[in-house]
Amino acid sequence: MIYFRGCTAREKETSIADATENLLKSAGVDYKVLDDEKCCGSVLLRTGFIDEAQSQIQKNTEALSGELILTSCAGCYKTLNQDYEGLDVIHISQFLKELIDDKKLNFNKKDLTVTYHDSCHLGRHCSIFEEPRDVISSVADLVEMQNNHENSLCCGAGGGVKSAYPEIADEIADSRISQAIDTNADLLVSSCPFCKLNLKNRGLDVLDLTEFLIEYGDVNEEQ
């Protein structure tokens, strides 16, 4: 297995990559990371730099072919799964669900209430809704925001909005956090590093799914 960390978890939200690797080691998963990992090419594809994106796709395909590829990033998952050909890709939320079901990871349930933010890429684009919720429910009680699953609101960061129109990205993020606060949850969990980056520091604790498990799950390594 190759753990494809993605740009955000590798460079900006490094605690997500660290938490993911800690969980993989706790479960005894044999994996490796690429020392020279490159961007998946998502931004190039979405902004119209098709030739540059195809060059990136070719290089990554050569490095990743023949391996099961684990991603932290919802955007990387969508891109590697839908814009590449012949790759075997799994998102961390799906893989954690498998590890929990196989009792390779065991967590202690807490008196804790959590709400979950469906990222656009993982949710509406890839129809992954239940796996992250099942993982959360192994540790805490889950409460839903007004908009969830297919009707979830965007975090405000996608589509280049955060870079081109930061004030709009902030307004959208504040609206989403307001919905989370209305649930009276103790914290908000997402399965997308980019969503976490835009939603954090707005009045409610925000964690990636992997960070949440490390901080609150009390990983029990006894099998």
C-alpha atoms as a PDB file:
ATOM      1  CA  MET A   1       0.000   0.000   0.000  1.00  0.00           C
ATOM      2  CA  ILE A   2       1.106   3.544  -0.790  1.00  0.00           C
ATOM      3  CA  TYR A   3      -0.122   6.295   1.490  1.00  0.00           C
ATOM      4  CA  PHE A   4      -0.621   9.275  -0.825  1.00  0.00           C
ATOM      5  CA  ARG A   5      -0.699  12.149   1.636  1.00  0.00           C
ATOM      6  CA  GLY A   6      -1.753  14.950  -0.712  1.00  0.00           C
ATOM      7  CA  CYS A   7      -0.504  18.530  -0.742  1.00  0.00           C
ATOM      8  CA  THR A   8      -2.584  19.894   2.130  1.00  0.00           C
ATOM      9  CA  ALA A   9      -1.884  17.083   4.606  1.00  0.00           C
ATOM     10  CA  ARG A  10       1.744  16.896   3.514  1.00  0.00           C
ATOM     11  CA  GLU A  11       2.526  20.615   3.696  1.00  0.00           C
ATOM     12  CA  LYS A  12      -0.125  22.634   5.576  1.00  0.00           C
ATOM     13  CA  GLU A  13      -2.054  20.291   7.889  1.00  0.00           C
ATOM     14  CA  THR A  14       0.801  17.907   8.657  1.00  0.00           C
ATOM     15  CA  SER A  15      -0.884  16.640  11.823  1.00  0.00           C
ATOM     16  CA  ILE A  16      -3.347  14.827   9.536  1.00  0.00           C
ATOM     17  CA  ALA A  17      -0.576  12.866   7.830  1.00  0.00           C
ATOM     18  CA  ASP A  18       1.002  12.142  11.220  1.00  0.00           C
ATOM     19  CA  ALA A  19      -2.307  10.908  12.659  1.00  0.00           C
ATOM     20  CA  THR A  20      -2.933   8.719   9.625  1.00  0.00           C
ATOM     21  CA  GLU A  21       0.463   7.077   9.875  1.00  0.00           C
ATOM     22  CA  ASN A  22      -0.005   6.509  13.619  1.00  0.00           C
ATOM     23  CA  LEU A  23      -3.302   4.726  12.949  1.00  0.00           C
ATOM     24  CA  LEU A  24      -1.786   2.600  10.188  1.00  0.00           C
ATOM     25  CA  LYS A  25       1.054   1.555  12.468  1.00  0.00           C
ATOM     26  CA  SER A  26      -1.356   0.769  15.312  1.00  0.00           C
ATOM     27  CA  ALA A  27      -3.286  -1.528  12.975  1.00  0.00           C
ATOM     28  CA  GLY A  28      -0.118  -3.219  11.711  1.00  0.00           C
ATOM     29  CA  VAL A  29      -0.636  -2.038   8.130  1.00  0.00           C
ATOM     30  CA  ASP A  30       2.314  -2.462   5.777  1.00  0.00           C
ATOM     31  CA  TYR A  31       2.556   0.797   3.845  1.00  0.00           C
ATOM     32  CA  LYS A  32       5.001   3.245   2.331  1.00  0.00           C
ATOM     33  CA  VAL A  33       5.035   6.910   1.344  1.00  0.00           C
ATOM     34  CA  LEU A  34       6.669   8.464  -1.695  1.00  0.00           C
ATOM     35  CA  ASP A  35       9.655  10.626  -0.806  1.00  0.00           C
ATOM     36  CA  ASP A  36       9.108  12.665  -3.955  1.00  0.00           C
ATOM     37  CA  GLU A  37       5.295  12.691  -3.859  1.00  0.00           C
ATOM     38  CA  LYS A  38       3.809  15.133  -6.355  1.00  0.00           C
ATOM     39  CA  CYS A  39       0.433  16.861  -6.506  1.00  0.00           C
ATOM     40  CA  CYS A  40      -2.370  14.682  -7.881  1.00  0.00           C
ATOM     41  CA  GLY A  41      -3.069  17.351 -10.509  1.00  0.00           C
ATOM     42  CA  SER A  42      -6.556  18.235  -9.329  1.00  0.00           C
ATOM     43  CA  VAL A  43      -5.981  21.994  -9.381  1.00  0.00           C
ATOM     44  CA  LEU A  44      -4.480  21.854 -12.866  1.00  0.00           C
ATOM     45  CA  LEU A  45      -7.445  19.867 -14.147  1.00  0.00           C
ATOM     46  CA  ARG A  46     -10.089  22.099 -12.554  1.00  0.00           C
ATOM     47  CA  THR A  47      -8.468  25.320 -13.775  1.00  0.00           C
ATOM     48  CA  GLY A  48      -8.024  24.267 -17.393  1.00  0.00           C
ATOM     49  CA  PHE A  49      -4.295  23.469 -17.553  1.00  0.00           C
ATOM     50  CA  ILE A  50      -5.028  20.173 -19.268  1.00  0.00           C
ATOM     51  CA  ASP A  51      -1.632  19.535 -20.888  1.00  0.00           C
ATOM     52  CA  GLU A  52       0.184  20.172 -17.614  1.00  0.00           C
ATOM     53  CA  ALA A  53      -2.313  17.982 -15.778  1.00  0.00           C
ATOM     54  CA  GLN A  54      -1.847  15.104 -18.215  1.00  0.00           C
ATOM     55  CA  SER A  55       1.917  15.284 -17.723  1.00  0.00           C
ATOM     56  CA  GLN A  56       1.406  15.093 -13.963  1.00  0.00           C
ATOM     57  CA  ILE A  57      -1.042  12.228 -14.328  1.00  0.00           C
ATOM     58  CA  GLN A  58       1.449  10.250 -16.412  1.00  0.00           C
ATOM     59  CA  LYS A  59       4.236  10.697 -13.848  1.00  0.00           C
ATOM     60  CA  ASN A  60       2.001   9.766 -10.923  1.00  0.00           C
ATOM     61  CA  THR A  61       0.558   6.770 -12.738  1.00  0.00           C
ATOM     62  CA  GLU A  62       4.047   5.375 -13.248  1.00  0.00           C
ATOM     63  CA  ALA A  63       4.781   5.764  -9.531  1.00  0.00           C
ATOM     64  CA  LEU A  64       1.448   4.445  -8.252  1.00  0.00           C
ATOM     65  CA  SER A  65       0.409   1.667 -10.635  1.00  0.00           C
ATOM     66  CA  GLY A  66       0.075  -1.803  -9.157  1.00  0.00           C
ATOM     67  CA  GLU A  67      -0.390  -0.569  -5.593  1.00  0.00           C
ATOM     68  CA  LEU A  68      -3.389   0.041  -3.371  1.00  0.00           C
ATOM     69  CA  ILE A  69      -3.378   3.820  -2.895  1.00  0.00           C
ATOM     70  CA  LEU A  70      -4.656   5.296   0.359  1.00  0.00           C
ATOM     71  CA  THR A  71      -5.549   8.996   0.387  1.00  0.00           C
ATOM     72  CA  SER A  72      -6.168  11.478   3.198  1.00  0.00           C
ATOM     73  CA  CYS A  73      -7.543  14.094   0.838  1.00  0.00           C
ATOM     74  CA  ALA A  74     -11.041  13.900  -0.607  1.00  0.00           C
ATOM     75  CA  GLY A  75      -9.875  15.868  -3.652  1.00  0.00           C
ATOM     76  CA  CYS A  76      -6.981  13.471  -4.243  1.00  0.00           C
ATOM     77  CA  TYR A  77      -9.362  10.530  -3.902  1.00  0.00           C
ATOM     78  CA  LYS A  78     -11.750  11.940  -6.493  1.00  0.00           C
ATOM     79  CA  THR A  79      -8.935  12.816  -8.912  1.00  0.00           C
ATOM     80  CA  LEU A  80      -6.992   9.567  -8.629  1.00  0.00           C
ATOM     81  CA  ASN A  81     -10.198   7.540  -8.781  1.00  0.00           C
ATOM     82  CA  GLN A  82     -12.030   9.374 -11.569  1.00  0.00           C
ATOM     83  CA  ASP A  83      -9.431  11.203 -13.679  1.00  0.00           C
ATOM     84  CA  TYR A  84      -6.741   8.520 -13.751  1.00  0.00           C
ATOM     85  CA  GLU A  85      -7.086   5.085 -15.331  1.00  0.00           C
ATOM     86  CA  GLY A  86      -6.366   1.717 -13.754  1.00  0.00           C
ATOM     87  CA  LEU A  87      -5.516   2.809 -10.212  1.00  0.00           C
ATOM     88  CA  ASP A  88      -6.808   1.086  -7.082  1.00  0.00           C
ATOM     89  CA  VAL A  89      -7.714   3.902  -4.689  1.00  0.00           C
ATOM     90  CA  ILE A  90      -9.298   3.949  -1.234  1.00  0.00           C
ATOM     91  CA  HIS A  91     -10.060   6.919   1.016  1.00  0.00           C
ATOM     92  CA  ILE A  92      -8.918   6.829   4.634  1.00  0.00           C
ATOM     93  CA  SER A  93     -12.516   6.867   5.911  1.00  0.00           C
ATOM     94  CA  GLN A  94     -13.267   3.691   3.943  1.00  0.00           C
ATOM     95  CA  PHE A  95     -10.067   2.015   5.088  1.00  0.00           C
ATOM     96  CA  LEU A  96     -10.618   2.911   8.733  1.00  0.00           C
ATOM     97  CA  LYS A  97     -14.101   1.408   8.534  1.00  0.00           C
ATOM     98  CA  GLU A  98     -12.561  -1.831   7.240  1.00  0.00           C
ATOM     99  CA  LEU A  99      -9.925  -1.864   9.997  1.00  0.00           C
ATOM    100  CA  ILE A 100     -12.590  -1.329  12.669  1.00  0.00           C
ATOM    101  CA  ASP A 101     -14.882  -4.006  11.215  1.00  0.00           C
ATOM    102  CA  ASP A 102     -11.947  -6.443  11.107  1.00  0.00           C
ATOM    103  CA  LYS A 103     -11.087  -5.501  14.720  1.00  0.00           C
ATOM    104  CA  LYS A 104      -7.615  -4.378  13.711  1.00  0.00           C
ATOM    105  CA  LEU A 105      -8.402  -1.050  15.355  1.00  0.00           C
ATOM    106  CA  ASN A 106     -10.409  -0.866  18.563  1.00  0.00           C
ATOM    107  CA  PHE A 107     -11.637   2.338  20.166  1.00  0.00           C
ATOM    108  CA  ASN A 108     -13.245   3.217  23.466  1.00  0.00           C
ATOM    109  CA  LYS A 109     -16.620   4.968  23.223  1.00  0.00           C
ATOM    110  CA  LYS A 110     -16.696   8.381  24.872  1.00  0.00           C
ATOM    111  CA  ASP A 111     -19.383  10.650  26.289  1.00  0.00           C
ATOM    112  CA  LEU A 112     -18.888  13.001  23.367  1.00  0.00           C
ATOM    113  CA  THR A 113     -21.089  14.518  20.701  1.00  0.00           C
ATOM    114  CA  VAL A 114     -19.705  15.109  17.214  1.00  0.00           C
ATOM    115  CA  THR A 115     -21.144  16.538  14.024  1.00  0.00           C
ATOM    116  CA  TYR A 116     -19.753  15.647  10.608  1.00  0.00           C
ATOM    117  CA  HIS A 117     -19.109  17.839   7.565  1.00  0.00           C
ATOM    118  CA  ASP A 118     -19.504  16.114   4.184  1.00  0.00           C
ATOM    119  CA  SER A 119     -16.903  17.511   1.813  1.00  0.00           C
ATOM    120  CA  CYS A 120     -18.079  18.133  -1.764  1.00  0.00           C
ATOM    121  CA  HIS A 121     -15.468  15.831  -3.299  1.00  0.00           C
ATOM    122  CA  LEU A 122     -16.018  12.886  -0.966  1.00  0.00           C
ATOM    123  CA  GLY A 123     -19.772  13.248  -0.609  1.00  0.00           C
ATOM    124  CA  ARG A 124     -21.642  14.483  -3.663  1.00  0.00           C
ATOM    125  CA  HIS A 125     -18.828  13.674  -6.110  1.00  0.00           C
ATOM    126  CA  CYS A 126     -17.950  10.175  -4.840  1.00  0.00           C
ATOM    127  CA  SER A 127     -21.014   9.145  -2.782  1.00  0.00           C
ATOM    128  CA  ILE A 128     -18.993   8.312   0.331  1.00  0.00           C
ATOM    129  CA  PHE A 129     -21.325   9.246   3.161  1.00  0.00           C
ATOM    130  CA  GLU A 130     -21.697   6.404   5.643  1.00  0.00           C
ATOM    131  CA  GLU A 131     -18.134   5.172   6.203  1.00  0.00           C
ATOM    132  CA  PRO A 132     -16.888   8.311   8.003  1.00  0.00           C
ATOM    133  CA  ARG A 133     -20.082   8.403  10.059  1.00  0.00           C
ATOM    134  CA  ASP A 134     -19.607   4.771  11.073  1.00  0.00           C
ATOM    135  CA  VAL A 135     -16.031   5.520  12.136  1.00  0.00           C
ATOM    136  CA  ILE A 136     -17.130   8.509  14.220  1.00  0.00           C
ATOM    137  CA  SER A 137     -19.864   6.444  15.835  1.00  0.00           C
ATOM    138  CA  SER A 138     -17.274   3.960  17.093  1.00  0.00           C
ATOM    139  CA  VAL A 139     -16.024   6.698  19.425  1.00  0.00           C
ATOM    140  CA  ALA A 140     -18.783   9.296  19.907  1.00  0.00           C
ATOM    141  CA  ASP A 141     -22.445  10.103  19.386  1.00  0.00           C
ATOM    142  CA  LEU A 142     -23.109  11.644  15.977  1.00  0.00           C
ATOM    143  CA  VAL A 143     -25.551  14.492  15.416  1.00  0.00           C
ATOM    144  CA  GLU A 144     -26.332  15.877  11.973  1.00  0.00           C
ATOM    145  CA  MET A 145     -26.290  19.464  10.816  1.00  0.00           C
ATOM    146  CA  GLN A 146     -29.306  20.871   9.010  1.00  0.00           C
ATOM    147  CA  ASN A 147     -27.597  20.292   5.655  1.00  0.00           C
ATOM    148  CA  ASN A 148     -25.959  16.870   5.405  1.00  0.00           C
ATOM    149  CA  HIS A 149     -25.214  14.030   3.024  1.00  0.00           C
ATOM    150  CA  GLU A 150     -26.123  15.085  -0.566  1.00  0.00           C
ATOM    151  CA  ASN A 151     -27.446  18.417   0.726  1.00  0.00           C
ATOM    152  CA  SER A 152     -24.324  19.368   2.640  1.00  0.00           C
ATOM    153  CA  LEU A 153     -23.039  22.914   2.305  1.00  0.00           C
ATOM    154  CA  CYS A 154     -19.592  23.538   0.819  1.00  0.00           C
ATOM    155  CA  CYS A 155     -16.862  24.583   3.262  1.00  0.00           C
ATOM    156  CA  GLY A 156     -16.144  27.556   0.985  1.00  0.00           C
ATOM    157  CA  ALA A 157     -12.617  26.606  -0.041  1.00  0.00           C
ATOM    158  CA  GLY A 158     -13.150  24.616  -3.220  1.00  0.00           C
ATOM    159  CA  GLY A 159     -13.018  25.620  -6.860  1.00  0.00           C
ATOM    160  CA  GLY A 160     -10.308  28.195  -6.257  1.00  0.00           C
ATOM    161  CA  VAL A 161     -12.657  30.358  -4.182  1.00  0.00           C
ATOM    162  CA  LYS A 162     -10.336  30.486  -1.175  1.00  0.00           C
ATOM    163  CA  SER A 163      -7.492  31.802  -3.331  1.00  0.00           C
ATOM    164  CA  ALA A 164      -9.452  34.139  -5.605  1.00  0.00           C
ATOM    165  CA  TYR A 165     -12.231  35.309  -3.291  1.00  0.00           C
ATOM    166  CA  PRO A 166     -11.107  34.769   0.316  1.00  0.00           C
ATOM    167  CA  GLU A 167     -13.859  36.943   1.759  1.00  0.00           C
ATOM    168  CA  ILE A 168     -16.509  34.753   0.105  1.00  0.00           C
ATOM    169  CA  ALA A 169     -14.731  31.623   1.334  1.00  0.00           C
ATOM    170  CA  ASP A 170     -14.845  33.044   4.866  1.00  0.00           C
ATOM    171  CA  GLU A 171     -18.548  33.848   4.630  1.00  0.00           C
ATOM    172  CA  ILE A 172     -19.413  30.349   3.454  1.00  0.00           C
ATOM    173  CA  ALA A 173     -17.240  28.758   6.147  1.00  0.00           C
ATOM    174  CA  ASP A 174     -18.871  30.904   8.852  1.00  0.00           C
ATOM    175  CA  SER A 175     -22.295  29.786   7.643  1.00  0.00           C
ATOM    176  CA  ARG A 176     -21.282  26.138   7.850  1.00  0.00           C
ATOM    177  CA  ILE A 177     -19.775  26.530  11.308  1.00  0.00           C
ATOM    178  CA  SER A 178     -22.985  28.240  12.426  1.00  0.00           C
ATOM    179  CA  GLN A 179     -24.895  25.088  11.446  1.00  0.00           C
ATOM    180  CA  ALA A 180     -22.399  22.970  13.364  1.00  0.00           C
ATOM    181  CA  ILE A 181     -22.729  25.131  16.484  1.00  0.00           C
ATOM    182  CA  ASP A 182     -26.523  24.838  16.279  1.00  0.00           C
ATOM    183  CA  THR A 183     -26.221  21.064  16.827  1.00  0.00           C
ATOM    184  CA  ASN A 184     -24.598  21.674  20.257  1.00  0.00           C
ATOM    185  CA  ALA A 185     -21.887  19.216  19.275  1.00  0.00           C
ATOM    186  CA  ASP A 186     -18.587  19.258  21.123  1.00  0.00           C
ATOM    187  CA  LEU A 187     -16.625  19.388  17.884  1.00  0.00           C
ATOM    188  CA  LEU A 188     -16.806  19.151  14.104  1.00  0.00           C
ATOM    189  CA  VAL A 189     -15.097  16.388  12.131  1.00  0.00           C
ATOM    190  CA  SER A 190     -14.320  16.322   8.409  1.00  0.00           C
ATOM    191  CA  SER A 191     -12.607  13.838   6.105  1.00  0.00           C
ATOM    192  CA  CYS A 192     -11.002  16.475   3.893  1.00  0.00           C
ATOM    193  CA  PRO A 193      -7.825  18.356   4.905  1.00  0.00           C
ATOM    194  CA  PHE A 194      -8.809  21.319   2.733  1.00  0.00           C
ATOM    195  CA  CYS A 195     -12.193  21.566   4.467  1.00  0.00           C
ATOM    196  CA  LYS A 196     -10.493  21.466   7.853  1.00  0.00           C
ATOM    197  CA  LEU A 197      -8.120  24.216   6.765  1.00  0.00           C
ATOM    198  CA  ASN A 198     -10.993  26.544   5.875  1.00  0.00           C
ATOM    199  CA  LEU A 199     -13.365  25.678   8.721  1.00  0.00           C
ATOM    200  CA  LYS A 200     -10.991  25.809  11.680  1.00  0.00           C
ATOM    201  CA  ASN A 201     -10.576  28.758  14.073  1.00  0.00           C
ATOM    202  CA  ARG A 202     -14.188  29.909  13.727  1.00  0.00           C
ATOM    203  CA  GLY A 203     -15.658  29.224  17.145  1.00  0.00           C
ATOM    204  CA  LEU A 204     -15.781  25.397  17.188  1.00  0.00           C
ATOM    205  CA  ASP A 205     -13.031  22.798  17.351  1.00  0.00           C
ATOM    206  CA  VAL A 206     -12.505  21.179  13.942  1.00  0.00           C
ATOM    207  CA  LEU A 207     -10.553  17.952  13.423  1.00  0.00           C
ATOM    208  CA  ASP A 208      -9.834  15.624  10.574  1.00  0.00           C
ATOM    209  CA  LEU A 209     -11.257  12.136  11.080  1.00  0.00           C
ATOM    210  CA  THR A 210      -7.785  10.720  11.752  1.00  0.00           C
ATOM    211  CA  GLU A 211      -6.910  13.443  14.257  1.00  0.00           C
ATOM    212  CA  PHE A 212     -10.227  12.811  16.000  1.00  0.00           C
ATOM    213  CA  LEU A 213      -9.445   9.113  16.444  1.00  0.00           C
ATOM    214  CA  ILE A 214      -5.971   9.811  17.780  1.00  0.00           C
ATOM    215  CA  GLU A 215      -7.170  12.454  20.233  1.00  0.00           C
ATOM    216  CA  TYR A 216     -10.378  10.850  21.454  1.00  0.00           C
ATOM    217  CA  GLY A 217     -10.339   7.196  20.433  1.00  0.00           C
ATOM    218  CA  ASP A 218      -7.799   5.839  22.940  1.00  0.00           C
ATOM    219  CA  VAL A 219      -6.503   3.367  20.371  1.00  0.00           C
ATOM    220  CA  ASN A 220      -6.480  -0.111  21.833  1.00  0.00           C
ATOM    221  CA  GLU A 221      -3.821  -2.136  20.057  1.00  0.00           C
ATOM    222  CA  GLU A 222      -4.670  -5.406  21.801  1.00  0.00           C
ATOM    223  CA  GLN A 223      -6.188  -7.759  19.247  1.00  0.00           C
END
